[in-house]
Amino acid sequence: MGDVNPHELSELIRDTLAAAVSAGEITLDEADIPAEVTVERPRQREHGDWASNIAMRLAKKAGCAPRDMAAVLAERLADVEDIASVEVAGPGFLNIRLNADAAGELARTIVQSGTDYGTIDTLAGQRINLEYISANPTGPLHIGHTRWAAVGDALVRVLRAAGAEVAPEYYINDAGVQMDRFGASILARAKGEEIPEDGYPGEYVDDLAAEVLAERPDLVDLPEDDAIAVARQLGYQAQLQHIKDTLTDFNVHFDVWFSEKDNLHDTGAITAAIDRLREQGHVYEEGGALWLRTTTFGDDKDRVLIKADGNATYFAADAAYYLDKKDRGFPYKIYLFGADHHGYVGRMKAICACAGDDPKTNIEILIGQFINISGARMGKRLGNVVNLHDLIEWIGADALRYTLARYPTDTTLDLKAEDLKKQNNDNPVFYVQYAHARTRNVARNAAEHGVRREDAFDASLLTDPAESELLGKLAEYPRVVGLSAEKREVHRIARYLEELSSAYHTWYGRCRVTPRGEEPVDDTHRTRLWLNDATAQVLRNGLDILGVSAPEQM
């Protein structure tokens, strides 16, 4: 088997179970043999390297006691070359201990795999459109968008690591009356006038007015309607570029920038979408308006597509946008919405059903809760905005991204900027980045002492308990990637990195890579350098999924 990771061990136990069933040692229908067997690290390491509760799960179906089934599996597993021992514990746990060289071989595998270690194929073949942030281009990205910027980009990365083909997409809300108000606000500031009552306040409007005037000095001399149109278009272009620049600074990247105005309103896509939904039998007219019968699919009320005045609703654009994604070949569509969008879940799933798709598989909506930084929750229209650009300058992109990805999205966060900037082990991002910097320092010291990986590797030398613990933690990484992708929970990556860092710091304190004094370099030093560099690689791979840098020194 070579190095034994949890995925391979899971397959081994499953194959062993199937063989025992085939041999008549266990009475079980083949359909009851699970596709994947859960293996976990025991809470107490003296119980072994890995544990499985498979016998406890299936014993009732097999009509036998869990310990009896476990004993059959243990006897077969004990004959596997890379397994040192298997014990039946408690009510029927399988406690498995690997040979030292089988466990240690993982260090070489990770180094040789490089950035590929942890990439899996559990989502291979899935084409996913992932839409997140989607802020109006009427102002800078602010604190309310920051969480989804960090989590959304990390989710793109972890889904790709699990084998999916993912298209991250930004929906530009550039249609509607808010764009006219935006243009009127810019024109007012260009003229030195007060912002209209329903306009957009904030210093950024003054900055946009200056940019627009620099391009069109004649703006204030144009007729009012023409001036608003020019201010709206030029201000929109400038603000959208600021948004793109800010996201680049935050290490967030989109494949598609989808304009509502250009792609839906100006192309007739909304009318075409309504015609398609009508063909499905879900559109009706009432009170001079055109409706979509979404209650058929669980929505709390039917939704208006075209108002009595002939104007399309936002909901009509949502429906057209969904169909556009479908037409572009994305069977799976994930939407990341803010905390104030709970009401969208039912109606979006109803759109999916009305389009002939399955709401259980073809659409997924994640809701993220609010964040507070230093106790201040602020909104763009209040003029006291905390912008993402300001947060990056204030706290740093790494600390901000890591912290926002570290918590489940359904929890409200109350963060203090001072804590995120601390350079000590109480700050999780510092703790993990410091672990990586330490691995690089160890590698530099090793080079100075003539310790070279290429001179030797003997996995059987990695026998210290701290080495066993570190290897076990490294082996878990592909499984963590798979769970994070499957459950859409990128915080699992961050928490794993903290556990890995803890195991590494413990190992660092116990196991030397460089010789002491006049002690000669031996194969233990060389093999430990492989383990050190394997840890560095996994830390880098995990931090990259979170969009966070892995510093060479700190």
Protein backbone atom coordinates (compact mmCIF):
# COMPACT_ATOMS: atom_id res chain seq x y z
CA MET A 1 0.00 0.00 0.00
CA GLY A 2 2.92 2.39 0.53
CA ASP A 3 1.86 5.39 2.61
CA VAL A 4 -1.55 4.80 4.21
CA ASN A 5 -3.91 7.74 4.34
CA PRO A 6 -7.50 7.73 5.63
CA HIS A 7 -8.99 7.42 2.15
CA GLU A 8 -6.90 4.35 1.33
CA LEU A 9 -7.59 2.82 4.73
CA SER A 10 -11.30 3.40 4.23
CA GLU A 11 -11.16 1.55 0.91
CA LEU A 12 -9.14 -1.26 2.50
CA ILE A 13 -11.70 -1.78 5.27
CA ARG A 14 -14.54 -1.72 2.77
CA ASP A 15 -12.81 -4.29 0.54
CA THR A 16 -12.08 -6.41 3.61
CA LEU A 17 -15.74 -6.29 4.61
CA ALA A 18 -16.81 -7.25 1.09
CA ALA A 19 -14.38 -10.18 1.11
CA ALA A 20 -15.70 -11.38 4.47
CA VAL A 21 -19.27 -11.18 3.17
CA SER A 22 -18.32 -13.06 0.00
CA ALA A 23 -16.63 -15.77 2.08
CA GLY A 24 -19.73 -16.20 4.24
CA GLU A 25 -17.97 -14.99 7.40
CA ILE A 26 -20.42 -12.09 7.71
CA THR A 27 -24.05 -12.32 6.64
CA LEU A 28 -24.85 -9.07 4.87
CA ASP A 29 -26.46 -8.00 1.62
CA GLU A 30 -23.98 -6.48 -0.83
CA ALA A 31 -26.25 -3.43 -1.08
CA ASP A 32 -25.61 -2.76 2.61
CA ILE A 33 -21.86 -2.49 2.14
CA PRO A 34 -21.17 1.28 2.30
CA ALA A 35 -19.35 3.06 -0.50
CA GLU A 36 -17.10 4.70 2.10
CA VAL A 37 -16.09 3.59 5.59
CA THR A 38 -15.48 6.27 8.20
CA VAL A 39 -12.02 6.21 9.77
CA GLU A 40 -10.96 8.73 12.40
CA ARG A 41 -8.05 9.45 14.68
CA PRO A 42 -8.67 8.01 18.17
CA ARG A 43 -8.96 10.62 20.90
CA GLN A 44 -6.26 8.78 22.82
CA ARG A 45 -3.28 7.93 20.65
CA GLU A 46 -2.40 4.83 22.67
CA HIS A 47 -5.51 3.29 21.12
CA GLY A 48 -3.85 3.27 17.71
CA ASP A 49 -3.37 5.38 14.61
CA TRP A 50 -6.90 5.05 13.21
CA ALA A 51 -10.28 3.80 14.40
CA SER A 52 -13.50 2.73 12.66
CA ASN A 53 -17.01 2.05 13.95
CA ILE A 54 -18.06 0.08 10.85
CA ALA A 55 -18.91 -3.06 12.85
CA MET A 56 -21.16 -1.09 15.22
CA ARG A 57 -22.96 0.46 12.24
CA LEU A 58 -23.67 -2.80 10.39
CA ALA A 59 -23.88 -5.51 13.08
CA LYS A 60 -27.66 -5.25 13.47
CA LYS A 61 -28.19 -5.76 9.73
CA ALA A 62 -25.78 -8.69 9.85
CA GLY A 63 -27.63 -10.22 12.79
CA CYS A 64 -24.57 -10.51 15.01
CA ALA A 65 -22.87 -8.70 17.89
CA PRO A 66 -20.69 -5.71 16.90
CA ARG A 67 -17.63 -7.18 18.61
CA ASP A 68 -18.05 -10.45 16.71
CA MET A 69 -18.15 -8.63 13.35
CA ALA A 70 -15.20 -6.48 14.39
CA ALA A 71 -13.23 -9.60 15.30
CA VAL A 72 -13.73 -11.05 11.81
CA LEU A 73 -12.54 -7.81 10.19
CA ALA A 74 -9.63 -7.46 12.62
CA GLU A 75 -8.32 -10.93 11.78
CA ARG A 76 -8.33 -10.17 8.07
CA LEU A 77 -6.86 -6.67 8.43
CA ALA A 78 -4.01 -7.94 10.62
CA ASP A 79 -2.65 -9.84 7.61
CA VAL A 80 -2.20 -6.63 5.59
CA GLU A 81 1.49 -5.84 5.17
CA ASP A 82 1.38 -2.18 6.29
CA ILE A 83 -0.79 -2.80 9.35
CA ALA A 84 1.08 -3.58 12.57
CA SER A 85 -1.93 -4.55 14.68
CA VAL A 86 -5.72 -4.37 14.91
CA GLU A 87 -7.60 -4.48 18.18
CA VAL A 88 -11.30 -4.74 18.95
CA ALA A 89 -12.15 -2.18 21.61
CA GLY A 90 -15.21 -1.22 23.64
CA PRO A 91 -18.55 -2.10 22.06
CA GLY A 92 -16.96 -2.92 18.71
CA PHE A 93 -14.45 -0.31 17.57
CA LEU A 94 -11.61 -1.33 15.28
CA ASN A 95 -8.38 0.26 16.52
CA ILE A 96 -5.71 0.07 13.82
CA ARG A 97 -2.00 0.66 14.26
CA LEU A 98 0.19 1.07 11.17
CA ASN A 99 3.77 -0.01 10.69
CA ALA A 100 6.09 2.93 11.27
CA ASP A 101 7.43 2.84 7.72
CA ALA A 102 3.92 2.72 6.25
CA ALA A 103 2.91 5.81 8.22
CA GLY A 104 6.17 7.64 7.60
CA GLU A 105 6.14 7.06 3.85
CA LEU A 106 3.48 9.76 3.68
CA ALA A 107 6.13 12.45 4.25
CA ARG A 108 7.89 11.58 1.00
CA THR A 109 4.59 11.27 -0.86
CA ILE A 110 3.52 14.77 0.18
CA VAL A 111 6.81 16.39 -0.82
CA GLN A 112 6.77 14.65 -4.18
CA SER A 113 3.10 15.51 -4.77
CA GLY A 114 3.61 19.19 -3.96
CA THR A 115 0.57 21.35 -4.63
CA ASP A 116 -1.36 18.27 -5.80
CA TYR A 117 -1.43 16.76 -2.32
CA GLY A 118 -4.97 17.10 -1.00
CA THR A 119 -6.59 17.43 -4.41
CA ILE A 120 -9.23 14.74 -4.85
CA ASP A 121 -11.86 13.74 -7.39
CA THR A 122 -15.02 13.44 -5.30
CA LEU A 123 -16.71 16.26 -7.27
CA ALA A 124 -15.18 15.43 -10.64
CA GLY A 125 -17.60 16.04 -13.49
CA GLN A 126 -19.63 18.69 -11.67
CA ARG A 127 -19.91 22.08 -13.42
CA ILE A 128 -20.78 24.68 -10.79
CA ASN A 129 -21.64 28.35 -11.18
CA LEU A 130 -20.87 30.13 -7.92
CA GLU A 131 -22.28 33.64 -7.55
CA TYR A 132 -21.25 35.77 -4.61
CA ILE A 133 -20.91 39.40 -3.46
CA SER A 134 -22.94 40.84 -6.39
CA ALA A 135 -22.97 44.34 -4.92
CA ASN A 136 -24.57 47.34 -6.63
CA PRO A 137 -21.92 49.34 -8.51
CA THR A 138 -23.13 52.49 -6.76
CA GLY A 139 -20.42 52.53 -4.13
CA PRO A 140 -17.37 50.73 -2.78
CA LEU A 141 -17.47 47.25 -1.33
CA HIS A 142 -18.08 47.57 2.38
CA ILE A 143 -18.01 45.54 5.54
CA GLY A 144 -21.25 43.76 4.59
CA HIS A 145 -19.63 42.30 1.46
CA THR A 146 -16.36 41.36 3.10
CA ARG A 147 -17.41 38.03 4.56
CA TRP A 148 -18.69 36.61 1.30
CA ALA A 149 -15.65 37.90 -0.55
CA ALA A 150 -13.41 35.80 1.71
CA VAL A 151 -15.67 32.76 2.03
CA GLY A 152 -16.85 32.77 -1.59
CA ASP A 153 -13.36 32.78 -3.04
CA ALA A 154 -12.21 30.08 -0.59
CA LEU A 155 -15.23 27.98 -1.54
CA VAL A 156 -14.31 28.29 -5.22
CA ARG A 157 -10.83 27.04 -4.39
CA VAL A 158 -11.90 24.10 -2.23
CA LEU A 159 -14.52 22.96 -4.76
CA ARG A 160 -11.83 22.98 -7.44
CA ALA A 161 -9.52 21.03 -5.12
CA ALA A 162 -12.27 18.41 -4.88
CA GLY A 163 -12.38 18.06 -8.65
CA ALA A 164 -15.29 20.32 -9.61
CA GLU A 165 -15.23 22.76 -12.51
CA VAL A 166 -16.22 26.07 -10.95
CA ALA A 167 -17.05 29.42 -12.53
CA PRO A 168 -17.03 32.25 -9.94
CA GLU A 169 -19.40 34.98 -11.08
CA TYR A 170 -20.14 38.55 -10.01
CA TYR A 171 -23.65 39.80 -10.83
CA ILE A 172 -23.53 43.54 -11.49
CA ASN A 173 -26.79 45.20 -10.43
CA ASP A 174 -26.50 48.00 -12.95
CA ALA A 175 -30.17 48.36 -13.91
CA GLY A 176 -32.96 50.19 -12.13
CA VAL A 177 -33.66 53.54 -10.52
CA GLN A 178 -30.70 53.28 -8.13
CA MET A 179 -28.38 53.91 -11.07
CA ASP A 180 -30.21 57.17 -11.89
CA ARG A 181 -29.93 58.23 -8.25
CA PHE A 182 -26.26 57.34 -8.37
CA GLY A 183 -25.77 59.53 -11.46
CA ALA A 184 -27.72 62.40 -9.88
CA SER A 185 -25.57 62.15 -6.73
CA ILE A 186 -22.34 62.38 -8.73
CA LEU A 187 -23.67 65.31 -10.78
CA ALA A 188 -24.70 67.17 -7.62
CA ARG A 189 -21.21 66.89 -6.13
CA ALA A 190 -19.65 67.88 -9.47
CA LYS A 191 -21.72 71.07 -9.28
CA GLY A 192 -20.86 71.61 -5.63
CA GLU A 193 -24.47 70.98 -4.62
CA GLU A 194 -25.97 68.85 -1.86
CA ILE A 195 -26.74 65.20 -2.56
CA PRO A 196 -30.42 64.64 -3.45
CA GLU A 197 -32.52 63.30 -0.57
CA ASP A 198 -32.74 59.84 -2.12
CA GLY A 199 -29.12 59.88 -3.36
CA TYR A 200 -25.87 58.37 -2.20
CA PRO A 201 -23.83 60.23 0.43
CA GLY A 202 -20.22 59.59 1.33
CA GLU A 203 -16.79 60.87 0.45
CA TYR A 204 -16.45 58.34 -2.35
CA VAL A 205 -19.12 60.25 -4.31
CA ASP A 206 -16.92 63.36 -4.19
CA ASP A 207 -14.01 61.28 -5.50
CA LEU A 208 -16.13 59.86 -8.32
CA ALA A 209 -17.35 63.34 -9.23
CA ALA A 210 -13.74 64.48 -9.54
CA GLU A 211 -12.92 61.49 -11.77
CA VAL A 212 -15.94 62.12 -13.99
CA LEU A 213 -15.14 65.83 -14.30
CA ALA A 214 -11.55 65.01 -15.25
CA GLU A 215 -12.89 62.96 -18.17
CA ARG A 216 -15.81 65.25 -19.04
CA PRO A 217 -15.07 68.85 -17.98
CA ASP A 218 -18.22 69.94 -19.81
CA LEU A 219 -20.44 67.81 -17.56
CA VAL A 220 -21.94 70.71 -15.61
CA ASP A 221 -22.85 72.53 -18.83
CA LEU A 222 -24.91 69.68 -20.28
CA PRO A 223 -28.72 69.56 -20.06
CA GLU A 224 -29.83 67.96 -16.79
CA ASP A 225 -30.94 64.62 -18.22
CA ASP A 226 -27.87 64.31 -20.42
CA ALA A 227 -25.59 65.26 -17.53
CA ILE A 228 -27.14 62.60 -15.26
CA ALA A 229 -26.74 59.98 -17.99
CA VAL A 230 -23.06 60.86 -18.49
CA ALA A 231 -22.38 60.99 -14.74
CA ARG A 232 -24.16 57.65 -14.29
CA GLN A 233 -22.18 55.87 -17.04
CA LEU A 234 -18.74 57.29 -16.25
CA GLY A 235 -19.29 56.98 -12.50
CA TYR A 236 -20.40 53.39 -12.97
CA GLN A 237 -17.30 52.51 -14.99
CA ALA A 238 -15.01 54.15 -12.44
CA GLN A 239 -16.71 52.57 -9.44
CA LEU A 240 -16.75 49.11 -11.01
CA GLN A 241 -13.02 49.39 -11.64
CA HIS A 242 -12.47 50.39 -8.01
CA ILE A 243 -14.42 47.28 -6.96
CA LYS A 244 -12.28 45.08 -9.20
CA ASP A 245 -9.08 46.65 -7.89
CA THR A 246 -10.17 46.16 -4.28
CA LEU A 247 -10.99 42.51 -4.89
CA THR A 248 -7.60 42.01 -6.53
CA ASP A 249 -5.99 43.45 -3.39
CA PHE A 250 -8.08 40.94 -1.41
CA ASN A 251 -6.87 38.07 -3.61
CA VAL A 252 -10.38 37.47 -4.95
CA HIS A 253 -10.89 36.69 -8.63
CA PHE A 254 -13.99 36.27 -10.81
CA ASP A 255 -14.18 34.51 -14.16
CA VAL A 256 -17.37 36.34 -15.17
CA TRP A 257 -18.65 39.87 -14.52
CA PHE A 258 -22.31 39.63 -15.52
CA SER A 259 -24.09 42.91 -16.26
CA GLU A 260 -27.82 42.86 -15.53
CA LYS A 261 -28.39 45.76 -17.91
CA ASP A 262 -26.28 44.49 -20.81
CA ASN A 263 -27.04 40.77 -20.56
CA LEU A 264 -30.67 40.73 -19.44
CA HIS A 265 -32.48 44.02 -20.12
CA ASP A 266 -30.81 45.15 -23.34
CA THR A 267 -30.83 41.71 -24.99
CA GLY A 268 -34.49 40.88 -24.40
CA ALA A 269 -33.46 37.96 -22.20
CA ILE A 270 -36.16 38.77 -19.63
CA THR A 271 -38.95 38.61 -22.20
CA ALA A 272 -37.51 35.39 -23.61
CA ALA A 273 -37.29 33.88 -20.13
CA ILE A 274 -40.94 34.72 -19.40
CA ASP A 275 -41.96 33.07 -22.66
CA ARG A 276 -40.09 29.91 -21.68
CA LEU A 277 -41.68 29.85 -18.24
CA ARG A 278 -45.09 30.38 -19.88
CA GLU A 279 -44.45 27.32 -22.04
CA GLN A 280 -43.83 25.38 -18.83
CA GLY A 281 -47.33 26.38 -17.72
CA HIS A 282 -46.37 28.50 -14.73
CA VAL A 283 -47.13 32.07 -15.94
CA TYR A 284 -50.55 33.72 -15.62
CA GLU A 285 -52.04 37.21 -15.83
CA GLU A 286 -54.01 38.88 -13.08
CA GLY A 287 -54.80 42.52 -12.29
CA GLY A 288 -52.97 43.69 -15.39
CA ALA A 289 -49.72 42.11 -14.14
CA LEU A 290 -47.89 38.98 -15.21
CA TRP A 291 -47.24 36.43 -12.43
CA LEU A 292 -45.16 33.29 -11.92
CA ARG A 293 -47.01 30.59 -9.99
CA THR A 294 -44.22 29.83 -7.52
CA THR A 295 -46.58 28.61 -4.77
CA THR A 296 -46.82 25.36 -6.73
CA PHE A 297 -43.27 24.71 -5.60
CA GLY A 298 -43.39 25.81 -1.98
CA ASP A 299 -43.00 29.60 -2.20
CA ASP A 300 -45.14 31.54 0.29
CA LYS A 301 -46.80 33.56 -2.50
CA ASP A 302 -46.80 33.89 -6.28
CA ARG A 303 -44.37 36.46 -7.67
CA VAL A 304 -44.91 39.30 -10.11
CA LEU A 305 -42.78 39.21 -13.26
CA ILE A 306 -44.18 42.23 -15.12
CA LYS A 307 -45.99 44.95 -13.19
CA ALA A 308 -49.23 46.50 -14.41
CA ASP A 309 -47.23 49.48 -15.70
CA GLY A 310 -45.30 47.16 -18.01
CA ASN A 311 -42.00 47.27 -16.14
CA ALA A 312 -40.15 44.08 -15.27
CA THR A 313 -39.53 43.32 -11.59
CA TYR A 314 -36.25 42.33 -9.96
CA PHE A 315 -37.74 38.87 -9.69
CA ALA A 316 -38.11 38.69 -13.48
CA ALA A 317 -34.40 39.47 -13.79
CA ASP A 318 -33.63 36.75 -11.22
CA ALA A 319 -35.62 34.24 -13.28
CA ALA A 320 -33.91 35.25 -16.52
CA TYR A 321 -30.52 35.10 -14.85
CA TYR A 322 -31.18 31.58 -13.57
CA LEU A 323 -32.14 30.42 -17.07
CA ASP A 324 -29.05 32.12 -18.50
CA LYS A 325 -26.83 30.11 -16.16
CA LYS A 326 -28.65 26.95 -17.14
CA ASP A 327 -28.18 27.73 -20.83
CA ARG A 328 -24.47 28.29 -20.29
CA GLY A 329 -24.16 24.67 -19.17
CA PHE A 330 -24.13 24.87 -15.37
CA PRO A 331 -26.33 22.14 -13.88
CA TYR A 332 -25.26 23.20 -10.38
CA LYS A 333 -25.78 26.77 -9.23
CA ILE A 334 -24.67 28.07 -5.84
CA TYR A 335 -25.77 31.48 -4.58
CA LEU A 336 -24.14 33.16 -1.59
CA PHE A 337 -26.56 35.67 -0.08
CA GLY A 338 -26.36 38.05 2.86
CA ALA A 339 -28.29 37.75 6.10
CA ASP A 340 -31.07 40.02 4.80
CA HIS A 341 -31.84 37.64 1.91
CA HIS A 342 -33.54 34.79 3.77
CA GLY A 343 -36.72 35.57 1.86
CA TYR A 344 -34.98 34.79 -1.40
CA VAL A 345 -34.50 31.10 -0.66
CA GLY A 346 -38.07 29.98 -1.36
CA ARG A 347 -38.54 32.11 -4.46
CA MET A 348 -35.18 31.10 -5.99
CA LYS A 349 -35.89 27.42 -5.47
CA ALA A 350 -39.31 27.98 -7.02
CA ILE A 351 -37.66 29.57 -10.09
CA CYS A 352 -35.47 26.48 -10.35
CA ALA A 353 -38.53 24.20 -10.26
CA CYS A 354 -40.49 26.35 -12.71
CA ALA A 355 -37.53 26.08 -15.10
CA GLY A 356 -37.84 22.30 -15.01
CA ASP A 357 -34.88 21.70 -12.68
CA ASP A 358 -34.67 19.92 -9.32
CA PRO A 359 -34.44 22.42 -6.41
CA LYS A 360 -32.77 19.72 -4.29
CA THR A 361 -29.79 19.36 -6.59
CA ASN A 362 -29.63 22.14 -9.20
CA ILE A 363 -29.65 25.13 -6.86
CA GLU A 364 -28.08 25.78 -3.49
CA ILE A 365 -28.40 28.96 -1.46
CA LEU A 366 -26.05 29.77 1.41
CA ILE A 367 -26.90 32.57 3.83
CA GLY A 368 -24.13 34.41 5.65
CA GLN A 369 -24.72 36.27 8.89
CA PHE A 370 -23.57 39.79 9.70
CA ILE A 371 -20.13 40.73 10.92
CA ASN A 372 -19.19 43.49 13.32
CA ILE A 373 -15.66 44.80 13.52
CA SER A 374 -14.79 46.69 16.69
CA GLY A 375 -18.52 46.74 17.46
CA ALA A 376 -19.51 48.92 14.51
CA ARG A 377 -21.96 47.58 11.95
CA MET A 378 -22.30 50.19 9.24
CA GLY A 379 -24.20 50.62 6.00
CA LYS A 380 -23.23 52.21 2.71
CA ARG A 381 -26.18 54.59 2.50
CA LEU A 382 -25.40 56.16 5.90
CA GLY A 383 -22.25 57.90 4.77
CA ASN A 384 -20.21 56.39 7.64
CA VAL A 385 -19.20 53.36 5.64
CA VAL A 386 -16.35 51.01 6.53
CA ASN A 387 -15.05 49.97 3.12
CA LEU A 388 -13.29 46.72 2.29
CA HIS A 389 -10.40 48.77 0.93
CA ASP A 390 -10.08 50.50 4.32
CA LEU A 391 -10.29 47.18 6.16
CA ILE A 392 -7.48 45.74 4.04
CA GLU A 393 -5.27 48.73 4.83
CA TRP A 394 -6.27 48.67 8.50
CA ILE A 395 -6.10 44.96 9.28
CA GLY A 396 -4.37 43.31 6.32
CA ALA A 397 -5.79 40.99 3.67
CA ASP A 398 -4.35 37.82 5.21
CA ALA A 399 -5.70 38.38 8.70
CA LEU A 400 -9.07 39.49 7.37
CA ARG A 401 -9.49 36.60 4.92
CA TYR A 402 -8.36 33.92 7.34
CA THR A 403 -10.54 35.16 10.18
CA LEU A 404 -13.68 35.50 8.07
CA ALA A 405 -13.21 32.02 6.62
CA ARG A 406 -12.50 30.51 10.04
CA TYR A 407 -16.07 30.54 11.33
CA PRO A 408 -19.27 28.86 10.07
CA THR A 409 -21.16 31.35 7.93
CA ASP A 410 -24.37 30.92 9.92
CA THR A 411 -22.79 32.57 12.96
CA THR A 412 -22.73 36.33 13.58
CA LEU A 413 -19.17 37.58 14.08
CA ASP A 414 -18.16 40.32 16.47
CA LEU A 415 -14.48 40.96 15.77
CA LYS A 416 -12.01 43.41 17.22
CA ALA A 417 -9.49 44.77 14.75
CA GLU A 418 -6.79 44.93 17.42
CA ASP A 419 -7.06 41.16 17.97
CA LEU A 420 -6.73 40.44 14.25
CA LYS A 421 -3.51 42.44 14.09
CA LYS A 422 -1.79 40.78 17.06
CA GLN A 423 1.53 39.11 16.33
CA ASN A 424 1.22 36.29 18.86
CA ASN A 425 -0.09 32.74 19.15
CA ASP A 426 -3.48 33.95 20.38
CA ASN A 427 -4.13 35.13 16.82
CA PRO A 428 -4.96 32.03 14.73
CA VAL A 429 -3.70 33.41 11.43
CA PHE A 430 -0.38 34.40 12.99
CA TYR A 431 -0.15 30.97 14.63
CA VAL A 432 -0.56 29.14 11.32
CA GLN A 433 1.61 31.48 9.27
CA TYR A 434 4.31 31.31 11.95
CA ALA A 435 4.25 27.51 11.73
CA HIS A 436 4.96 27.74 8.01
CA ALA A 437 7.69 30.33 8.52
CA ARG A 438 9.25 28.02 11.12
CA THR A 439 9.33 25.11 8.63
CA ARG A 440 11.23 27.31 6.20
CA ASN A 441 13.66 28.41 8.89
CA VAL A 442 14.28 24.76 9.77
CA ALA A 443 14.94 24.01 6.09
CA ARG A 444 17.40 26.90 5.84
CA ASN A 445 19.25 25.75 8.97
CA ALA A 446 19.32 22.20 7.62
CA ALA A 447 20.97 23.39 4.41
CA GLU A 448 23.62 25.24 6.39
CA HIS A 449 24.41 22.02 8.32
CA GLY A 450 24.55 19.86 5.21
CA VAL A 451 21.28 18.03 5.89
CA ARG A 452 19.86 17.16 2.48
CA ARG A 453 16.67 15.27 1.66
CA GLU A 454 18.11 13.68 -1.45
CA ASP A 455 20.76 11.83 0.57
CA ALA A 456 18.35 9.52 2.41
CA PHE A 457 14.80 8.71 3.41
CA ASP A 458 13.99 5.94 5.90
CA ALA A 459 10.37 6.08 7.05
CA SER A 460 11.01 3.51 9.78
CA LEU A 461 13.09 6.12 11.64
CA LEU A 462 10.06 8.33 12.31
CA THR A 463 9.16 6.63 15.59
CA ASP A 464 8.81 9.49 18.07
CA PRO A 465 5.18 9.92 19.31
CA ALA A 466 5.26 13.51 18.08
CA GLU A 467 6.17 12.25 14.62
CA SER A 468 3.33 9.78 14.66
CA GLU A 469 0.94 12.55 15.69
CA LEU A 470 2.20 14.90 12.98
CA LEU A 471 2.02 12.23 10.28
CA GLY A 472 -1.50 11.35 11.31
CA LYS A 473 -2.54 14.98 11.06
CA LEU A 474 -0.93 15.32 7.62
CA ALA A 475 -2.80 12.23 6.46
CA GLU A 476 -6.13 13.84 7.33
CA TYR A 477 -5.79 16.74 4.90
CA PRO A 478 -7.41 15.16 1.79
CA ARG A 479 -10.38 14.08 3.90
CA VAL A 480 -10.76 17.60 5.30
CA VAL A 481 -10.71 19.02 1.76
CA GLY A 482 -13.43 16.58 0.75
CA LEU A 483 -15.65 17.39 3.71
CA SER A 484 -15.16 21.13 3.24
CA ALA A 485 -16.18 20.88 -0.40
CA GLU A 486 -19.09 18.53 0.21
CA LYS A 487 -20.57 20.54 3.08
CA ARG A 488 -19.56 23.97 1.68
CA GLU A 489 -17.73 24.70 4.95
CA VAL A 490 -14.36 26.30 4.37
CA HIS A 491 -13.89 26.91 8.08
CA ARG A 492 -12.90 23.25 8.32
CA ILE A 493 -9.71 24.06 6.42
CA ALA A 494 -8.75 26.83 8.84
CA ARG A 495 -9.42 24.73 11.93
CA TYR A 496 -7.44 21.86 10.45
CA LEU A 497 -4.46 24.14 9.76
CA GLU A 498 -4.48 25.22 13.39
CA GLU A 499 -4.42 21.59 14.55
CA LEU A 500 -1.62 20.81 12.10
CA SER A 501 0.35 23.83 13.32
CA SER A 502 -0.05 22.67 16.92
CA ALA A 503 1.21 19.19 16.03
CA TYR A 504 4.14 20.72 14.16
CA HIS A 505 5.13 23.05 17.00
CA THR A 506 5.11 20.07 19.38
CA TRP A 507 7.24 18.02 16.98
CA TYR A 508 9.63 20.94 16.52
CA GLY A 509 10.22 21.02 20.27
CA ARG A 510 10.98 17.29 20.46
CA CYS A 511 12.67 16.25 17.22
CA ARG A 512 15.76 17.92 15.78
CA VAL A 513 16.40 18.15 12.06
CA THR A 514 19.95 19.50 12.50
CA PRO A 515 22.65 17.80 14.62
CA ARG A 516 23.82 19.21 17.94
CA GLY A 517 27.40 20.46 18.22
CA GLU A 518 29.83 18.03 16.60
CA GLU A 519 27.17 15.35 16.18
CA PRO A 520 27.32 13.94 12.62
CA VAL A 521 24.43 14.21 10.19
CA ASP A 522 22.59 10.90 9.94
CA ASP A 523 19.56 9.47 8.19
CA THR A 524 17.24 10.45 11.01
CA HIS A 525 18.04 14.11 10.40
CA ARG A 526 17.53 13.68 6.67
CA THR A 527 14.24 11.83 7.08
CA ARG A 528 12.96 14.42 9.52
CA LEU A 529 13.70 17.11 6.94
CA TRP A 530 11.28 15.29 4.63
CA LEU A 531 8.65 15.47 7.37
CA ASN A 532 9.38 19.14 8.01
CA ASP A 533 9.02 19.96 4.32
CA ALA A 534 5.88 17.85 4.01
CA THR A 535 4.31 19.91 6.77
CA ALA A 536 5.32 23.10 4.99
CA GLN A 537 3.67 21.86 1.80
CA VAL A 538 0.36 21.04 3.47
CA LEU A 539 0.33 24.36 5.32
CA ARG A 540 0.88 26.13 1.99
CA ASN A 541 -1.80 24.10 0.25
CA GLY A 542 -4.34 24.83 2.97
CA LEU A 543 -3.51 28.52 3.22
CA ASP A 544 -3.79 28.79 -0.56
CA ILE A 545 -7.34 27.45 -0.41
CA LEU A 546 -8.13 30.24 2.05
CA GLY A 547 -6.40 32.78 -0.21
CA VAL A 548 -3.84 33.54 2.51
CA SER A 549 -0.09 33.83 2.00
CA ALA A 550 2.46 31.41 3.47
CA PRO A 551 5.39 33.62 4.55
CA GLU A 552 8.97 32.36 4.32
CA GLN A 553 9.93 34.17 7.52
CA MET A 554 8.28 36.27 10.22
